[in-house]
Amino acid sequence: MKIKGCVALVTGSNRGIGRAFVEALIARGAKKVYATARDPAKLKNLEAAHPDKIRVLTLDITKPAQIAAAASQAGDVNLLINNAGINRKKGLIAAPVLADARDEMETNYFGTLSVCRAFAPILRHNGGGTIVNVLSIIARVSLPAYGSLCASKAAGLLMTQGIRAELTKQHTKVVAVMPGAVDTDMERDFNGPKEKPSDVANASLQAVEDETEEVYPGGMAQGVSQGLAADPKAVEREFAAYLPR
């Protein structure tokens, strides 16, 4: 599909990668963008900048009623971008309680799955369309400092593969986006190289147009992916050095 003329919905649009997606969609000629966030007030400046193209919706992807409401208001969508997610930055054993891991799974896995389920019939009705699930390279290898996040992203990757298979008959493409560290508020404490949110968004939209099922924006993600193909245990051992504090 082409981005020009599409109607897209982006979850978690208020900052970081989600905001970059909205801006990139407009720059590439999208007909309409539903920009969503838990707090729609944080999207008013985006809407004011493009009042003819951006429509703001309230959407917390852990709340079924809000998902249903968004689907009822966005029946013309043919590009769904699942970007909303959380990172509690906890290990698996080091975390004092399981609450953070449950929250990550509830948002990053169940929330994303719920949005996919709500919009799959809409995409079918509109000719198939595309789903983009924003994951992370740590969906493929565990970073122990973020152990429970990795588990939720790995679940998201397998969910993406399963949805891709189920929706093939309705001609819906499903893209998994797996960047390395990105320069957002979520990664403000990370001192290594970080990708620009705009680069991640544009690489993802290009993958949609190219019908690429998996995209690894940035040098870190591409290097890790290549390493996993060559010697996955070596990559696992390298990442194992980054333990919870």
C-alpha atoms as a PDB file:
ATOM      1  CA  MET A   1       0.000   0.000   0.000  1.00  0.00           C
ATOM      2  CA  LYS A   2       0.987   3.629  -0.424  1.00  0.00           C
ATOM      3  CA  ILE A   3       1.195   6.040   2.482  1.00  0.00           C
ATOM      4  CA  LYS A   4      -0.048   8.882   0.286  1.00  0.00           C
ATOM      5  CA  GLY A   5      -3.815   8.954   0.562  1.00  0.00           C
ATOM      6  CA  CYS A   6      -4.037   6.419   3.401  1.00  0.00           C
ATOM      7  CA  VAL A   7      -6.102   6.779   6.565  1.00  0.00           C
ATOM      8  CA  ALA A   8      -4.027   5.845   9.612  1.00  0.00           C
ATOM      9  CA  LEU A   9      -4.505   5.450  13.336  1.00  0.00           C
ATOM     10  CA  VAL A  10      -1.497   5.726  15.656  1.00  0.00           C
ATOM     11  CA  THR A  11      -1.584   4.671  19.300  1.00  0.00           C
ATOM     12  CA  GLY A  12       0.582   6.517  21.799  1.00  0.00           C
ATOM     13  CA  SER A  13       0.846   9.611  19.598  1.00  0.00           C
ATOM     14  CA  ASN A  14       1.632  12.184  22.259  1.00  0.00           C
ATOM     15  CA  ARG A  15       5.431  11.860  22.202  1.00  0.00           C
ATOM     16  CA  GLY A  16       8.465   9.958  20.956  1.00  0.00           C
ATOM     17  CA  ILE A  17       8.026   7.450  18.162  1.00  0.00           C
ATOM     18  CA  GLY A  18       4.241   7.844  18.074  1.00  0.00           C
ATOM     19  CA  ARG A  19       4.434  11.583  17.516  1.00  0.00           C
ATOM     20  CA  ALA A  20       7.110  11.000  14.865  1.00  0.00           C
ATOM     21  CA  PHE A  21       4.752   8.582  13.100  1.00  0.00           C
ATOM     22  CA  VAL A  22       1.998  11.191  12.965  1.00  0.00           C
ATOM     23  CA  GLU A  23       4.370  13.807  11.560  1.00  0.00           C
ATOM     24  CA  ALA A  24       5.862  11.379   9.023  1.00  0.00           C
ATOM     25  CA  LEU A  25       2.411  10.281   7.858  1.00  0.00           C
ATOM     26  CA  ILE A  26       1.396  13.882   7.237  1.00  0.00           C
ATOM     27  CA  ALA A  27       4.678  14.606   5.445  1.00  0.00           C
ATOM     28  CA  ARG A  28       4.164  11.562   3.206  1.00  0.00           C
ATOM     29  CA  GLY A  29       0.682  12.626   2.187  1.00  0.00           C
ATOM     30  CA  ALA A  30      -1.681  10.644   4.395  1.00  0.00           C
ATOM     31  CA  LYS A  31      -5.292  11.662   3.866  1.00  0.00           C
ATOM     32  CA  LYS A  32      -6.191  11.494   7.563  1.00  0.00           C
ATOM     33  CA  VAL A  33      -4.445  10.500  10.785  1.00  0.00           C
ATOM     34  CA  TYR A  34      -6.230   9.524  13.964  1.00  0.00           C
ATOM     35  CA  ALA A  35      -3.757  10.544  16.669  1.00  0.00           C
ATOM     36  CA  THR A  36      -4.563   8.791  19.937  1.00  0.00           C
ATOM     37  CA  ALA A  37      -3.334   8.993  23.520  1.00  0.00           C
ATOM     38  CA  ARG A  38      -4.549   8.415  27.051  1.00  0.00           C
ATOM     39  CA  ASP A  39      -4.572  12.196  27.519  1.00  0.00           C
ATOM     40  CA  PRO A  40      -5.870  13.825  24.318  1.00  0.00           C
ATOM     41  CA  ALA A  41      -4.960  17.300  25.601  1.00  0.00           C
ATOM     42  CA  LYS A  42      -1.338  16.448  24.838  1.00  0.00           C
ATOM     43  CA  LEU A  43      -2.230  16.168  21.140  1.00  0.00           C
ATOM     44  CA  LYS A  44      -3.924  19.531  20.698  1.00  0.00           C
ATOM     45  CA  ASN A  45      -0.844  21.218  19.242  1.00  0.00           C
ATOM     46  CA  LEU A  46      -0.537  18.487  16.616  1.00  0.00           C
ATOM     47  CA  GLU A  47      -4.184  18.849  15.744  1.00  0.00           C
ATOM     48  CA  ALA A  48      -3.865  22.636  15.571  1.00  0.00           C
ATOM     49  CA  ALA A  49      -0.933  22.349  13.161  1.00  0.00           C
ATOM     50  CA  HIS A  50      -2.910  20.109  10.777  1.00  0.00           C
ATOM     51  CA  PRO A  51      -6.618  20.614  11.547  1.00  0.00           C
ATOM     52  CA  ASP A  52      -7.684  19.310   8.157  1.00  0.00           C
ATOM     53  CA  LYS A  53      -5.832  15.998   8.519  1.00  0.00           C
ATOM     54  CA  ILE A  54      -5.467  15.076  12.202  1.00  0.00           C
ATOM     55  CA  ARG A  55      -8.301  13.879  14.381  1.00  0.00           C
ATOM     56  CA  VAL A  56      -7.588  13.343  18.075  1.00  0.00           C
ATOM     57  CA  LEU A  57      -9.078  10.374  19.940  1.00  0.00           C
ATOM     58  CA  THR A  58      -8.804   9.267  23.555  1.00  0.00           C
ATOM     59  CA  LEU A  59      -7.323   5.789  23.753  1.00  0.00           C
ATOM     60  CA  ASP A  60      -5.813   3.810  26.579  1.00  0.00           C
ATOM     61  CA  ILE A  61      -5.139   0.437  24.985  1.00  0.00           C
ATOM     62  CA  THR A  62      -5.702  -1.381  28.286  1.00  0.00           C
ATOM     63  CA  LYS A  63      -9.326  -0.185  28.410  1.00  0.00           C
ATOM     64  CA  PRO A  64     -11.699  -2.243  26.211  1.00  0.00           C
ATOM     65  CA  ALA A  65     -14.393   0.454  26.177  1.00  0.00           C
ATOM     66  CA  GLN A  66     -11.970   3.044  24.819  1.00  0.00           C
ATOM     67  CA  ILE A  67     -10.729   0.617  22.155  1.00  0.00           C
ATOM     68  CA  ALA A  68     -14.309  -0.062  21.068  1.00  0.00           C
ATOM     69  CA  ALA A  69     -15.063   3.663  20.985  1.00  0.00           C
ATOM     70  CA  ALA A  70     -11.991   4.384  18.861  1.00  0.00           C
ATOM     71  CA  ALA A  71     -12.922   1.623  16.419  1.00  0.00           C
ATOM     72  CA  SER A  72     -16.459   3.003  16.123  1.00  0.00           C
ATOM     73  CA  GLN A  73     -15.100   6.473  15.286  1.00  0.00           C
ATOM     74  CA  ALA A  74     -12.341   5.370  12.913  1.00  0.00           C
ATOM     75  CA  GLY A  75     -14.118   3.075  10.501  1.00  0.00           C
ATOM     76  CA  ASP A  76     -12.169   4.360   7.497  1.00  0.00           C
ATOM     77  CA  VAL A  77      -8.727   3.270   8.740  1.00  0.00           C
ATOM     78  CA  ASN A  78      -6.563   1.184   6.416  1.00  0.00           C
ATOM     79  CA  LEU A  79      -3.256   1.593   8.298  1.00  0.00           C
ATOM     80  CA  LEU A  80      -3.066   0.728  12.003  1.00  0.00           C
ATOM     81  CA  ILE A  81       0.143   1.639  13.846  1.00  0.00           C
ATOM     82  CA  ASN A  82       0.408   0.061  17.295  1.00  0.00           C
ATOM     83  CA  ASN A  83       3.034   2.161  19.014  1.00  0.00           C
ATOM     84  CA  ALA A  84       1.729   2.556  22.579  1.00  0.00           C
ATOM     85  CA  GLY A  85       3.764   0.727  25.188  1.00  0.00           C
ATOM     86  CA  ILE A  86       5.398   0.950  28.603  1.00  0.00           C
ATOM     87  CA  ASN A  87       8.797   0.059  30.065  1.00  0.00           C
ATOM     88  CA  ARG A  88       9.126  -0.375  33.824  1.00  0.00           C
ATOM     89  CA  LYS A  89      12.895  -1.046  33.545  1.00  0.00           C
ATOM     90  CA  LYS A  90      12.886  -4.035  35.858  1.00  0.00           C
ATOM     91  CA  GLY A  91      14.616  -7.408  35.944  1.00  0.00           C
ATOM     92  CA  LEU A  92      12.778 -10.685  36.269  1.00  0.00           C
ATOM     93  CA  ILE A  93      14.169 -11.890  39.598  1.00  0.00           C
ATOM     94  CA  ALA A  94      15.496  -8.557  40.891  1.00  0.00           C
ATOM     95  CA  ALA A  95      12.094  -6.851  40.710  1.00  0.00           C
ATOM     96  CA  PRO A  96      10.578  -6.747  44.217  1.00  0.00           C
ATOM     97  CA  VAL A  97       7.071  -7.578  42.960  1.00  0.00           C
ATOM     98  CA  LEU A  98       5.404  -8.864  39.796  1.00  0.00           C
ATOM     99  CA  ALA A  99       3.155  -5.842  39.346  1.00  0.00           C
ATOM    100  CA  ASP A 100       5.420  -4.092  36.825  1.00  0.00           C
ATOM    101  CA  ALA A 101       5.803  -7.223  34.703  1.00  0.00           C
ATOM    102  CA  ARG A 102       2.029  -7.661  34.692  1.00  0.00           C
ATOM    103  CA  ASP A 103       1.559  -4.036  33.621  1.00  0.00           C
ATOM    104  CA  GLU A 104       4.027  -4.446  30.754  1.00  0.00           C
ATOM    105  CA  MET A 105       2.323  -7.594  29.531  1.00  0.00           C
ATOM    106  CA  GLU A 106      -1.117  -6.016  29.902  1.00  0.00           C
ATOM    107  CA  THR A 107      -0.107  -3.036  27.762  1.00  0.00           C
ATOM    108  CA  ASN A 108       2.556  -4.301  25.366  1.00  0.00           C
ATOM    109  CA  TYR A 109       0.928  -7.667  24.621  1.00  0.00           C
ATOM    110  CA  PHE A 110      -2.748  -7.771  25.591  1.00  0.00           C
ATOM    111  CA  GLY A 111      -3.375  -4.103  24.809  1.00  0.00           C
ATOM    112  CA  THR A 112      -1.797  -4.328  21.372  1.00  0.00           C
ATOM    113  CA  LEU A 113      -3.609  -7.584  20.654  1.00  0.00           C
ATOM    114  CA  SER A 114      -6.910  -6.021  21.679  1.00  0.00           C
ATOM    115  CA  VAL A 115      -6.429  -3.123  19.267  1.00  0.00           C
ATOM    116  CA  CYS A 116      -5.538  -5.543  16.462  1.00  0.00           C
ATOM    117  CA  ARG A 117      -8.683  -7.556  17.159  1.00  0.00           C
ATOM    118  CA  ALA A 118     -10.859  -4.441  17.142  1.00  0.00           C
ATOM    119  CA  PHE A 119      -9.476  -3.086  13.875  1.00  0.00           C
ATOM    120  CA  ALA A 120      -9.027  -6.321  11.887  1.00  0.00           C
ATOM    121  CA  PRO A 121     -12.669  -6.254  10.669  1.00  0.00           C
ATOM    122  CA  ILE A 122     -12.315  -2.577   9.741  1.00  0.00           C
ATOM    123  CA  LEU A 123      -9.188  -3.279   7.715  1.00  0.00           C
ATOM    124  CA  ARG A 124     -10.934  -6.177   5.983  1.00  0.00           C
ATOM    125  CA  HIS A 125     -13.875  -3.960   5.088  1.00  0.00           C
ATOM    126  CA  ASN A 126     -11.492  -1.332   3.694  1.00  0.00           C
ATOM    127  CA  GLY A 127      -9.636  -3.744   1.412  1.00  0.00           C
ATOM    128  CA  GLY A 128      -7.083  -5.336   3.731  1.00  0.00           C
ATOM    129  CA  GLY A 129      -4.679  -2.585   4.700  1.00  0.00           C
ATOM    130  CA  THR A 130      -1.683  -2.937   6.996  1.00  0.00           C
ATOM    131  CA  ILE A 131      -0.914  -3.297  10.697  1.00  0.00           C
ATOM    132  CA  VAL A 132       2.413  -2.023  12.057  1.00  0.00           C
ATOM    133  CA  ASN A 133       3.446  -3.281  15.496  1.00  0.00           C
ATOM    134  CA  VAL A 134       6.279  -1.305  17.079  1.00  0.00           C
ATOM    135  CA  LEU A 135       8.340  -3.757  19.101  1.00  0.00           C
ATOM    136  CA  SER A 136      12.101  -3.705  19.842  1.00  0.00           C
ATOM    137  CA  ILE A 137      15.222  -5.668  19.011  1.00  0.00           C
ATOM    138  CA  ILE A 138      14.963  -7.010  22.565  1.00  0.00           C
ATOM    139  CA  ALA A 139      11.932  -8.947  21.397  1.00  0.00           C
ATOM    140  CA  ARG A 140      14.579 -11.333  20.034  1.00  0.00           C
ATOM    141  CA  VAL A 141      17.182 -11.376  22.826  1.00  0.00           C
ATOM    142  CA  SER A 142      16.859 -10.637  26.527  1.00  0.00           C
ATOM    143  CA  LEU A 143      18.432  -7.569  28.076  1.00  0.00           C
ATOM    144  CA  PRO A 144      18.349  -8.625  31.759  1.00  0.00           C
ATOM    145  CA  ALA A 145      18.114  -5.036  33.050  1.00  0.00           C
ATOM    146  CA  TYR A 146      14.761  -4.841  31.234  1.00  0.00           C
ATOM    147  CA  GLY A 147      13.926  -8.518  31.598  1.00  0.00           C
ATOM    148  CA  SER A 148      10.162  -8.248  31.941  1.00  0.00           C
ATOM    149  CA  LEU A 149       9.948  -5.713  29.106  1.00  0.00           C
ATOM    150  CA  CYS A 150      11.812  -8.142  26.859  1.00  0.00           C
ATOM    151  CA  ALA A 151       9.346 -10.891  27.720  1.00  0.00           C
ATOM    152  CA  SER A 152       6.406  -8.657  26.788  1.00  0.00           C
ATOM    153  CA  LYS A 153       8.046  -7.628  23.510  1.00  0.00           C
ATOM    154  CA  ALA A 154       8.876 -11.253  22.677  1.00  0.00           C
ATOM    155  CA  ALA A 155       5.225 -12.106  23.265  1.00  0.00           C
ATOM    156  CA  GLY A 156       4.354  -9.208  20.981  1.00  0.00           C
ATOM    157  CA  LEU A 157       6.605 -10.565  18.235  1.00  0.00           C
ATOM    158  CA  LEU A 158       5.026 -14.019  18.276  1.00  0.00           C
ATOM    159  CA  MET A 159       1.589 -12.397  18.428  1.00  0.00           C
ATOM    160  CA  THR A 160       2.532 -10.357  15.350  1.00  0.00           C
ATOM    161  CA  GLN A 161       3.528 -13.503  13.485  1.00  0.00           C
ATOM    162  CA  GLY A 162       0.284 -15.219  14.443  1.00  0.00           C
ATOM    163  CA  ILE A 163      -1.861 -12.257  13.400  1.00  0.00           C
ATOM    164  CA  ARG A 164       0.021 -12.088  10.108  1.00  0.00           C
ATOM    165  CA  ALA A 165      -0.924 -15.692   9.385  1.00  0.00           C
ATOM    166  CA  GLU A 166      -4.557 -15.284  10.452  1.00  0.00           C
ATOM    167  CA  LEU A 167      -5.105 -12.131   8.410  1.00  0.00           C
ATOM    168  CA  THR A 168      -3.470 -13.330   5.200  1.00  0.00           C
ATOM    169  CA  LYS A 169      -6.823 -14.338   3.728  1.00  0.00           C
ATOM    170  CA  GLN A 170      -8.228 -10.837   4.173  1.00  0.00           C
ATOM    171  CA  HIS A 171      -5.133  -9.361   2.501  1.00  0.00           C
ATOM    172  CA  THR A 172      -3.939  -7.498   5.601  1.00  0.00           C
ATOM    173  CA  LYS A 173      -0.163  -7.066   5.778  1.00  0.00           C
ATOM    174  CA  VAL A 174       1.458  -7.108   9.233  1.00  0.00           C
ATOM    175  CA  VAL A 175       4.821  -5.435   9.884  1.00  0.00           C
ATOM    176  CA  ALA A 176       7.050  -5.925  12.945  1.00  0.00           C
ATOM    177  CA  VAL A 177       9.305  -2.950  13.738  1.00  0.00           C
ATOM    178  CA  MET A 178      12.326  -3.783  15.901  1.00  0.00           C
ATOM    179  CA  PRO A 179      14.636  -0.822  16.538  1.00  0.00           C
ATOM    180  CA  GLY A 180      17.437  -0.621  19.050  1.00  0.00           C
ATOM    181  CA  ALA A 181      17.544   2.219  21.585  1.00  0.00           C
ATOM    182  CA  VAL A 182      15.602   5.281  20.446  1.00  0.00           C
ATOM    183  CA  ASP A 183      16.029   8.850  21.649  1.00  0.00           C
ATOM    184  CA  THR A 184      12.777   9.181  23.585  1.00  0.00           C
ATOM    185  CA  ASP A 185      11.770   9.940  27.166  1.00  0.00           C
ATOM    186  CA  MET A 186      11.591   6.207  27.802  1.00  0.00           C
ATOM    187  CA  GLU A 187      15.319   5.857  27.042  1.00  0.00           C
ATOM    188  CA  ARG A 188      16.552   9.159  28.474  1.00  0.00           C
ATOM    189  CA  ASP A 189      18.869   7.334  30.928  1.00  0.00           C
ATOM    190  CA  PHE A 190      20.525   5.204  28.228  1.00  0.00           C
ATOM    191  CA  ASN A 191      23.998   6.560  27.451  1.00  0.00           C
ATOM    192  CA  GLY A 192      24.746   4.639  24.255  1.00  0.00           C
ATOM    193  CA  PRO A 193      23.871   5.518  20.650  1.00  0.00           C
ATOM    194  CA  LYS A 194      20.185   6.106  20.007  1.00  0.00           C
ATOM    195  CA  GLU A 195      18.114   6.340  16.868  1.00  0.00           C
ATOM    196  CA  LYS A 196      15.996   9.363  16.050  1.00  0.00           C
ATOM    197  CA  PRO A 197      12.242   8.714  16.395  1.00  0.00           C
ATOM    198  CA  SER A 198      11.737  10.223  12.940  1.00  0.00           C
ATOM    199  CA  ASP A 199      14.148   7.710  11.417  1.00  0.00           C
ATOM    200  CA  VAL A 200      12.271   4.822  13.029  1.00  0.00           C
ATOM    201  CA  ALA A 201       8.933   6.152  11.783  1.00  0.00           C
ATOM    202  CA  ASN A 202      10.138   6.702   8.232  1.00  0.00           C
ATOM    203  CA  ALA A 203      11.858   3.315   8.039  1.00  0.00           C
ATOM    204  CA  SER A 204       8.626   1.710   9.221  1.00  0.00           C
ATOM    205  CA  LEU A 205       6.465   3.527   6.687  1.00  0.00           C
ATOM    206  CA  GLN A 206       8.886   2.619   3.933  1.00  0.00           C
ATOM    207  CA  ALA A 207       8.554  -1.016   5.011  1.00  0.00           C
ATOM    208  CA  VAL A 208       4.790  -0.681   4.642  1.00  0.00           C
ATOM    209  CA  GLU A 209       5.194   0.527   1.066  1.00  0.00           C
ATOM    210  CA  ASP A 210       7.811  -2.143   0.303  1.00  0.00           C
ATOM    211  CA  GLU A 211       5.708  -4.902   1.931  1.00  0.00           C
ATOM    212  CA  THR A 212       8.610  -5.814   4.211  1.00  0.00           C
ATOM    213  CA  GLU A 213       7.399  -7.943   7.131  1.00  0.00           C
ATOM    214  CA  GLU A 214      10.233  -7.153   9.568  1.00  0.00           C
ATOM    215  CA  VAL A 215      12.255  -3.954   9.746  1.00  0.00           C
ATOM    216  CA  TYR A 216      15.270  -3.191  11.957  1.00  0.00           C
ATOM    217  CA  PRO A 217      15.745   0.598  12.022  1.00  0.00           C
ATOM    218  CA  GLY A 218      19.266   1.736  12.855  1.00  0.00           C
ATOM    219  CA  GLY A 219      22.722   0.256  13.090  1.00  0.00           C
ATOM    220  CA  MET A 220      22.261  -1.313  16.528  1.00  0.00           C
ATOM    221  CA  ALA A 221      19.180  -3.279  15.556  1.00  0.00           C
ATOM    222  CA  GLN A 222      20.649  -4.382  12.242  1.00  0.00           C
ATOM    223  CA  GLY A 223      23.888  -5.475  13.913  1.00  0.00           C
ATOM    224  CA  VAL A 224      22.081  -7.481  16.594  1.00  0.00           C
ATOM    225  CA  SER A 225      19.848  -9.108  13.984  1.00  0.00           C
ATOM    226  CA  GLN A 226      22.886 -10.142  11.962  1.00  0.00           C
ATOM    227  CA  GLY A 227      24.577 -11.417  15.101  1.00  0.00           C
ATOM    228  CA  LEU A 228      21.557 -13.505  16.026  1.00  0.00           C
ATOM    229  CA  ALA A 229      21.593 -15.062  12.575  1.00  0.00           C
ATOM    230  CA  ALA A 230      25.297 -15.938  12.866  1.00  0.00           C
ATOM    231  CA  ASP A 231      25.701 -16.901  16.552  1.00  0.00           C
ATOM    232  CA  PRO A 232      22.647 -16.361  18.766  1.00  0.00           C
ATOM    233  CA  LYS A 233      24.330 -17.667  21.931  1.00  0.00           C
ATOM    234  CA  ALA A 234      27.164 -15.167  21.552  1.00  0.00           C
ATOM    235  CA  VAL A 235      24.628 -12.337  21.364  1.00  0.00           C
ATOM    236  CA  GLU A 236      22.812 -13.699  24.397  1.00  0.00           C
ATOM    237  CA  ARG A 237      26.062 -13.774  26.387  1.00  0.00           C
ATOM    238  CA  GLU A 238      26.886 -10.207  25.337  1.00  0.00           C
ATOM    239  CA  PHE A 239      23.493  -8.910  26.458  1.00  0.00           C
ATOM    240  CA  ALA A 240      23.702 -10.924  29.682  1.00  0.00           C
ATOM    241  CA  ALA A 241      26.301  -8.470  31.001  1.00  0.00           C
ATOM    242  CA  TYR A 242      23.628  -5.757  31.370  1.00  0.00           C
ATOM    243  CA  LEU A 243      22.103  -6.734  34.683  1.00  0.00           C
ATOM    244  CA  PRO A 244      19.447  -4.976  36.777  1.00  0.00           C
ATOM    245  CA  ARG A 245      20.814  -2.388  39.175  1.00  0.00           C
END
